[in-house]
């Protein structure tokens, strides 16, 4: 198993809060890069994902 696969497997085994903490720290250390301009399909996909996440959070809040 590659190092990347091992890291991903270990990450998936973490509790959700630990995943969030790790992600924040990882992104702080990541080298900035320019991925270039986004095309319309990528923007639409990101918007769909964001709205789905917000809907899920709103629905979760209503059930509390």
PDB file of N, CA and C in Angstrom:
ATOM      1  N   UNK A   1       0.857  -1.175   0.000  1.00  0.00           N
ATOM      2  CA  UNK A   1       0.000   0.000   0.000  1.00  0.00           C
ATOM      3  C   UNK A   1       0.905   1.241   0.000  1.00  0.00           C
ATOM      4  N   UNK A   2       0.567   2.215  -0.833  1.00  0.00           N
ATOM      5  CA  UNK A   2       1.383   3.423  -0.922  1.00  0.00           C
ATOM      6  C   UNK A   2       1.226   4.275   0.336  1.00  0.00           C
ATOM      7  N   UNK A   3       2.169   5.174   0.529  1.00  0.00           N
ATOM      8  CA  UNK A   3       2.115   6.087   1.676  1.00  0.00           C
ATOM      9  C   UNK A   3       0.838   6.920   1.628  1.00  0.00           C
ATOM     10  N   UNK A   4       0.484   7.374   0.434  1.00  0.00           N
ATOM     11  CA  UNK A   4      -0.737   8.170   0.291  1.00  0.00           C
ATOM     12  C   UNK A   4      -1.959   7.363   0.708  1.00  0.00           C
ATOM     13  N   UNK A   5      -2.050   6.138   0.268  1.00  0.00           N
ATOM     14  CA  UNK A   5      -3.181   5.285   0.630  1.00  0.00           C
ATOM     15  C   UNK A   5      -3.210   5.039   2.132  1.00  0.00           C
ATOM     16  N   UNK A   6      -2.047   4.851   2.744  1.00  0.00           N
ATOM     17  CA  UNK A   6      -1.985   4.638   4.194  1.00  0.00           C
ATOM     18  C   UNK A   6      -2.459   5.878   4.942  1.00  0.00           C
ATOM     19  N   UNK A   7      -2.024   7.048   4.486  1.00  0.00           N
ATOM     20  CA  UNK A   7      -2.458   8.294   5.127  1.00  0.00           C
ATOM     21  C   UNK A   7      -3.965   8.492   5.000  1.00  0.00           C
ATOM     22  N   UNK A   8      -4.489   8.225   3.825  1.00  0.00           N
ATOM     23  CA  UNK A   8      -5.936   8.374   3.630  1.00  0.00           C
ATOM     24  C   UNK A   8      -6.724   7.387   4.485  1.00  0.00           C
ATOM     25  N   UNK A   9      -6.230   6.177   4.602  1.00  0.00           N
ATOM     26  CA  UNK A   9      -6.894   5.173   5.439  1.00  0.00           C
ATOM     27  C   UNK A   9      -6.892   5.619   6.902  1.00  0.00           C
ATOM     28  N   UNK A  10      -5.759   6.142   7.368  1.00  0.00           N
ATOM     29  CA  UNK A  10      -5.666   6.626   8.751  1.00  0.00           C
ATOM     30  C   UNK A  10      -6.588   7.821   8.964  1.00  0.00           C
ATOM     31  N   UNK A  11      -6.637   8.715   7.981  1.00  0.00           N
ATOM     32  CA  UNK A  11      -7.513   9.876   8.078  1.00  0.00           C
ATOM     33  C   UNK A  11      -8.975   9.443   8.181  1.00  0.00           C
ATOM     34  N   UNK A  12      -9.389   8.508   7.357  1.00  0.00           N
ATOM     35  CA  UNK A  12     -10.778   8.030   7.371  1.00  0.00           C
ATOM     36  C   UNK A  12     -11.148   7.386   8.698  1.00  0.00           C
ATOM     37  N   UNK A  13     -10.178   6.863   9.423  1.00  0.00           N
ATOM     38  CA  UNK A  13     -10.452   6.207  10.703  1.00  0.00           C
ATOM     39  C   UNK A  13     -10.636   7.210  11.848  1.00  0.00           C
ATOM     40  N   UNK A  14     -10.284   8.472  11.605  1.00  0.00           N
ATOM     41  CA  UNK A  14     -10.399   9.483  12.659  1.00  0.00           C
ATOM     42  C   UNK A  14     -11.845   9.863  12.928  1.00  0.00           C
ATOM     43  N   UNK A  15     -12.159  10.272  14.161  1.00  0.00           N
ATOM     44  CA  UNK A  15     -13.481  10.843  14.449  1.00  0.00           C
ATOM     45  C   UNK A  15     -13.630  12.165  13.673  1.00  0.00           C
ATOM     46  N   UNK A  16     -14.855  12.582  13.435  1.00  0.00           N
ATOM     47  CA  UNK A  16     -15.119  13.775  12.622  1.00  0.00           C
ATOM     48  C   UNK A  16     -14.386  15.015  13.135  1.00  0.00           C
ATOM     49  N   UNK A  17     -14.391  15.247  14.424  1.00  0.00           N
ATOM     50  CA  UNK A  17     -13.717  16.440  14.963  1.00  0.00           C
ATOM     51  C   UNK A  17     -12.213  16.391  14.709  1.00  0.00           C
ATOM     52  N   UNK A  18     -11.620  15.207  14.836  1.00  0.00           N
ATOM     53  CA  UNK A  18     -10.195  15.055  14.553  1.00  0.00           C
ATOM     54  C   UNK A  18      -9.911  15.308  13.069  1.00  0.00           C
ATOM     55  N   UNK A  19     -10.821  14.865  12.193  1.00  0.00           N
ATOM     56  CA  UNK A  19     -10.657  15.124  10.760  1.00  0.00           C
ATOM     57  C   UNK A  19     -10.646  16.629  10.497  1.00  0.00           C
ATOM     58  N   UNK A  20     -11.561  17.353  11.141  1.00  0.00           N
ATOM     59  CA  UNK A  20     -11.612  18.805  10.955  1.00  0.00           C
ATOM     60  C   UNK A  20     -10.314  19.460  11.430  1.00  0.00           C
ATOM     61  N   UNK A  21      -9.850  19.081  12.606  1.00  0.00           N
ATOM     62  CA  UNK A  21      -8.609  19.652  13.152  1.00  0.00           C
ATOM     63  C   UNK A  21      -7.424  19.345  12.247  1.00  0.00           C
ATOM     64  N   UNK A  22      -7.337  18.105  11.792  1.00  0.00           N
ATOM     65  CA  UNK A  22      -6.236  17.724  10.907  1.00  0.00           C
ATOM     66  C   UNK A  22      -6.283  18.519   9.617  1.00  0.00           C
ATOM     67  N   UNK A  23      -7.460  18.652   9.038  1.00  0.00           N
ATOM     68  CA  UNK A  23      -7.604  19.369   7.772  1.00  0.00           C
ATOM     69  C   UNK A  23      -7.169  20.822   7.910  1.00  0.00           C
ATOM     70  N   UNK A  24      -7.561  21.467   8.996  1.00  0.00           N
ATOM     71  CA  UNK A  24      -7.156  22.858   9.228  1.00  0.00           C
ATOM     72  C   UNK A  24      -5.638  22.954   9.297  1.00  0.00           C
ATOM     73  N   UNK A  25      -5.020  22.091  10.082  1.00  0.00           N
ATOM     74  CA  UNK A  25      -3.569  22.130  10.227  1.00  0.00           C
ATOM     75  C   UNK A  25      -2.854  21.777   8.924  1.00  0.00           C
ATOM     76  N   UNK A  26      -3.379  20.817   8.196  1.00  0.00           N
ATOM     77  CA  UNK A  26      -2.778  20.430   6.916  1.00  0.00           C
ATOM     78  C   UNK A  26      -2.822  21.594   5.928  1.00  0.00           C
ATOM     79  N   UNK A  27      -3.970  22.252   5.834  1.00  0.00           N
ATOM     80  CA  UNK A  27      -4.102  23.360   4.891  1.00  0.00           C
ATOM     81  C   UNK A  27      -3.232  24.552   5.283  1.00  0.00           C
ATOM     82  N   UNK A  28      -3.009  24.743   6.560  1.00  0.00           N
ATOM     83  CA  UNK A  28      -2.101  25.806   7.001  1.00  0.00           C
ATOM     84  C   UNK A  28      -0.680  25.562   6.520  1.00  0.00           C
ATOM     85  N   UNK A  29      -0.317  24.307   6.396  1.00  0.00           N
ATOM     86  CA  UNK A  29       1.045  23.955   6.004  1.00  0.00           C
ATOM     87  C   UNK A  29       1.190  23.751   4.491  1.00  0.00           C
ATOM     88  N   UNK A  30       0.087  23.641   3.787  1.00  0.00           N
ATOM     89  CA  UNK A  30       0.130  23.373   2.348  1.00  0.00           C
ATOM     90  C   UNK A  30       0.726  24.563   1.589  1.00  0.00           C
ATOM     91  N   UNK A  31       1.464  24.247   0.572  1.00  0.00           N
ATOM     92  CA  UNK A  31       2.066  25.275  -0.270  1.00  0.00           C
ATOM     93  C   UNK A  31       0.968  25.881  -1.143  1.00  0.00           C
ATOM     94  N   UNK A  32       0.857  27.201  -1.166  1.00  0.00           N
ATOM     95  CA  UNK A  32      -0.150  27.816  -2.035  1.00  0.00           C
ATOM     96  C   UNK A  32       0.132  27.490  -3.506  1.00  0.00           C
ATOM     97  N   UNK A  33      -0.900  27.318  -4.264  1.00  0.00           N
ATOM     98  CA  UNK A  33      -0.721  27.074  -5.691  1.00  0.00           C
ATOM     99  C   UNK A  33      -1.884  27.706  -6.447  1.00  0.00           C
ATOM    100  N   UNK A  34      -1.649  27.975  -7.693  1.00  0.00           N
ATOM    101  CA  UNK A  34      -2.676  28.547  -8.555  1.00  0.00           C
ATOM    102  C   UNK A  34      -3.198  27.431  -9.446  1.00  0.00           C
ATOM    103  N   UNK A  35      -4.429  27.070  -9.242  1.00  0.00           N
ATOM    104  CA  UNK A  35      -5.003  25.991 -10.041  1.00  0.00           C
ATOM    105  C   UNK A  35      -5.567  26.498 -11.358  1.00  0.00           C
ATOM    106  N   UNK A  36      -5.466  27.799 -11.581  1.00  0.00           N
ATOM    107  CA  UNK A  36      -5.984  28.360 -12.817  1.00  0.00           C
ATOM    108  C   UNK A  36      -7.461  28.685 -12.691  1.00  0.00           C
ATOM    109  N   UNK A  37      -8.019  29.257 -13.720  1.00  0.00           N
ATOM    110  CA  UNK A  37      -9.432  29.641 -13.668  1.00  0.00           C
ATOM    111  C   UNK A  37     -10.360  28.418 -13.649  1.00  0.00           C
ATOM    112  N   UNK A  38     -11.488  28.580 -12.985  1.00  0.00           N
ATOM    113  CA  UNK A  38     -12.499  27.522 -12.951  1.00  0.00           C
ATOM    114  C   UNK A  38     -13.419  27.676 -14.149  1.00  0.00           C
ATOM    115  N   UNK A  39     -13.852  26.545 -14.696  1.00  0.00           N
ATOM    116  CA  UNK A  39     -14.831  26.647 -15.775  1.00  0.00           C
ATOM    117  C   UNK A  39     -16.240  26.600 -15.197  1.00  0.00           C
ATOM    118  N   UNK A  40     -17.225  26.854 -16.013  1.00  0.00           N
ATOM    119  CA  UNK A  40     -18.610  26.938 -15.552  1.00  0.00           C
ATOM    120  C   UNK A  40     -19.093  25.650 -14.900  1.00  0.00           C
ATOM    121  N   UNK A  41     -18.670  24.495 -15.425  1.00  0.00           N
ATOM    122  CA  UNK A  41     -19.092  23.214 -14.849  1.00  0.00           C
ATOM    123  C   UNK A  41     -18.560  23.047 -13.426  1.00  0.00           C
ATOM    124  N   UNK A  42     -17.320  23.429 -13.200  1.00  0.00           N
ATOM    125  CA  UNK A  42     -16.727  23.316 -11.865  1.00  0.00           C
ATOM    126  C   UNK A  42     -17.422  24.250 -10.879  1.00  0.00           C
ATOM    127  N   UNK A  43     -17.744  25.449 -11.319  1.00  0.00           N
ATOM    128  CA  UNK A  43     -18.446  26.406 -10.461  1.00  0.00           C
ATOM    129  C   UNK A  43     -19.841  25.879 -10.121  1.00  0.00           C
ATOM    130  N   UNK A  44     -20.550  25.353 -11.116  1.00  0.00           N
ATOM    131  CA  UNK A  44     -21.892  24.816 -10.884  1.00  0.00           C
ATOM    132  C   UNK A  44     -21.838  23.624  -9.929  1.00  0.00           C
ATOM    133  N   UNK A  45     -20.849  22.746 -10.105  1.00  0.00           N
ATOM    134  CA  UNK A  45     -20.713  21.591  -9.215  1.00  0.00           C
ATOM    135  C   UNK A  45     -20.451  22.055  -7.786  1.00  0.00           C
ATOM    136  N   UNK A  46     -19.540  23.021  -7.609  1.00  0.00           N
ATOM    137  CA  UNK A  46     -19.225  23.520  -6.273  1.00  0.00           C
ATOM    138  C   UNK A  46     -20.449  24.154  -5.626  1.00  0.00           C
ATOM    139  N   UNK A  47     -21.230  24.902  -6.401  1.00  0.00           N
ATOM    140  CA  UNK A  47     -22.451  25.519  -5.870  1.00  0.00           C
ATOM    141  C   UNK A  47     -23.451  24.450  -5.448  1.00  0.00           C
ATOM    142  N   UNK A  48     -23.636  23.434  -6.267  1.00  0.00           N
ATOM    143  CA  UNK A  48     -24.549  22.337  -5.921  1.00  0.00           C
ATOM    144  C   UNK A  48     -24.126  21.650  -4.632  1.00  0.00           C
ATOM    145  N   UNK A  49     -22.829  21.389  -4.496  1.00  0.00           N
ATOM    146  CA  UNK A  49     -22.322  20.744  -3.285  1.00  0.00           C
ATOM    147  C   UNK A  49     -22.528  21.626  -2.056  1.00  0.00           C
ATOM    148  N   UNK A  50     -22.275  22.914  -2.202  1.00  0.00           N
ATOM    149  CA  UNK A  50     -22.436  23.844  -1.079  1.00  0.00           C
ATOM    150  C   UNK A  50     -23.903  23.928  -0.650  1.00  0.00           C
ATOM    151  N   UNK A  51     -24.813  24.050  -1.616  1.00  0.00           N
ATOM    152  CA  UNK A  51     -26.225  24.118  -1.270  1.00  0.00           C
ATOM    153  C   UNK A  51     -26.711  22.826  -0.625  1.00  0.00           C
ATOM    154  N   UNK A  52     -26.218  21.687  -1.091  1.00  0.00           N
ATOM    155  CA  UNK A  52     -26.597  20.407  -0.478  1.00  0.00           C
ATOM    156  C   UNK A  52     -26.106  20.353   0.970  1.00  0.00           C
ATOM    157  N   UNK A  53     -24.890  20.823   1.207  1.00  0.00           N
ATOM    158  CA  UNK A  53     -24.339  20.846   2.561  1.00  0.00           C
ATOM    159  C   UNK A  53     -25.155  21.771   3.458  1.00  0.00           C
ATOM    160  N   UNK A  54     -25.483  22.949   2.958  1.00  0.00           N
ATOM    161  CA  UNK A  54     -26.270  23.896   3.746  1.00  0.00           C
ATOM    162  C   UNK A  54     -27.667  23.352   4.038  1.00  0.00           C
ATOM    163  N   UNK A  55     -28.296  22.715   3.049  1.00  0.00           N
ATOM    164  CA  UNK A  55     -29.605  22.101   3.268  1.00  0.00           C
ATOM    165  C   UNK A  55     -29.536  21.018   4.334  1.00  0.00           C
ATOM    166  N   UNK A  56     -28.493  20.189   4.277  1.00  0.00           N
ATOM    167  CA  UNK A  56     -28.337  19.121   5.265  1.00  0.00           C
ATOM    168  C   UNK A  56     -28.156  19.698   6.663  1.00  0.00           C
ATOM    169  N   UNK A  57     -27.346  20.756   6.777  1.00  0.00           N
ATOM    170  CA  UNK A  57     -27.155  21.389   8.081  1.00  0.00           C
ATOM    171  C   UNK A  57     -28.446  22.003   8.596  1.00  0.00           C
ATOM    172  N   UNK A  58     -29.190  22.636   7.710  1.00  0.00           N
ATOM    173  CA  UNK A  58     -30.467  23.249   8.114  1.00  0.00           C
ATOM    174  C   UNK A  58     -31.462  22.188   8.560  1.00  0.00           C
ATOM    175  N   UNK A  59     -31.538  21.094   7.818  1.00  0.00           N
ATOM    176  CA  UNK A  59     -32.450  19.999   8.184  1.00  0.00           C
ATOM    177  C   UNK A  59     -32.035  19.361   9.494  1.00  0.00           C
ATOM    178  N   UNK A  60     -30.730  19.237   9.722  1.00  0.00           N
ATOM    179  CA  UNK A  60     -30.219  18.674  10.971  1.00  0.00           C
ATOM    180  C   UNK A  60     -30.585  19.571  12.147  1.00  0.00           C
ATOM    181  N   UNK A  61     -30.487  20.875  11.946  1.00  0.00           N
ATOM    182  CA  UNK A  61     -30.817  21.837  13.025  1.00  0.00           C
ATOM    183  C   UNK A  61     -32.282  21.784  13.376  1.00  0.00           C
ATOM    184  N   UNK A  62     -33.138  21.552  12.384  1.00  0.00           N
ATOM    185  CA  UNK A  62     -34.580  21.495  12.631  1.00  0.00           C
ATOM    186  C   UNK A  62     -34.987  20.263  13.436  1.00  0.00           C
ATOM    187  N   UNK A  63     -34.207  19.197  13.346  1.00  0.00           N
ATOM    188  CA  UNK A  63     -34.560  17.959  14.056  1.00  0.00           C
ATOM    189  C   UNK A  63     -34.062  17.950  15.486  1.00  0.00           C
ATOM    190  N   UNK A  64     -33.339  18.975  15.889  1.00  0.00           N
ATOM    191  CA  UNK A  64     -32.817  19.026  17.271  1.00  0.00           C
ATOM    192  C   UNK A  64     -33.845  19.525  18.227  1.00  0.00           C
TER     193      UNK A  64
END
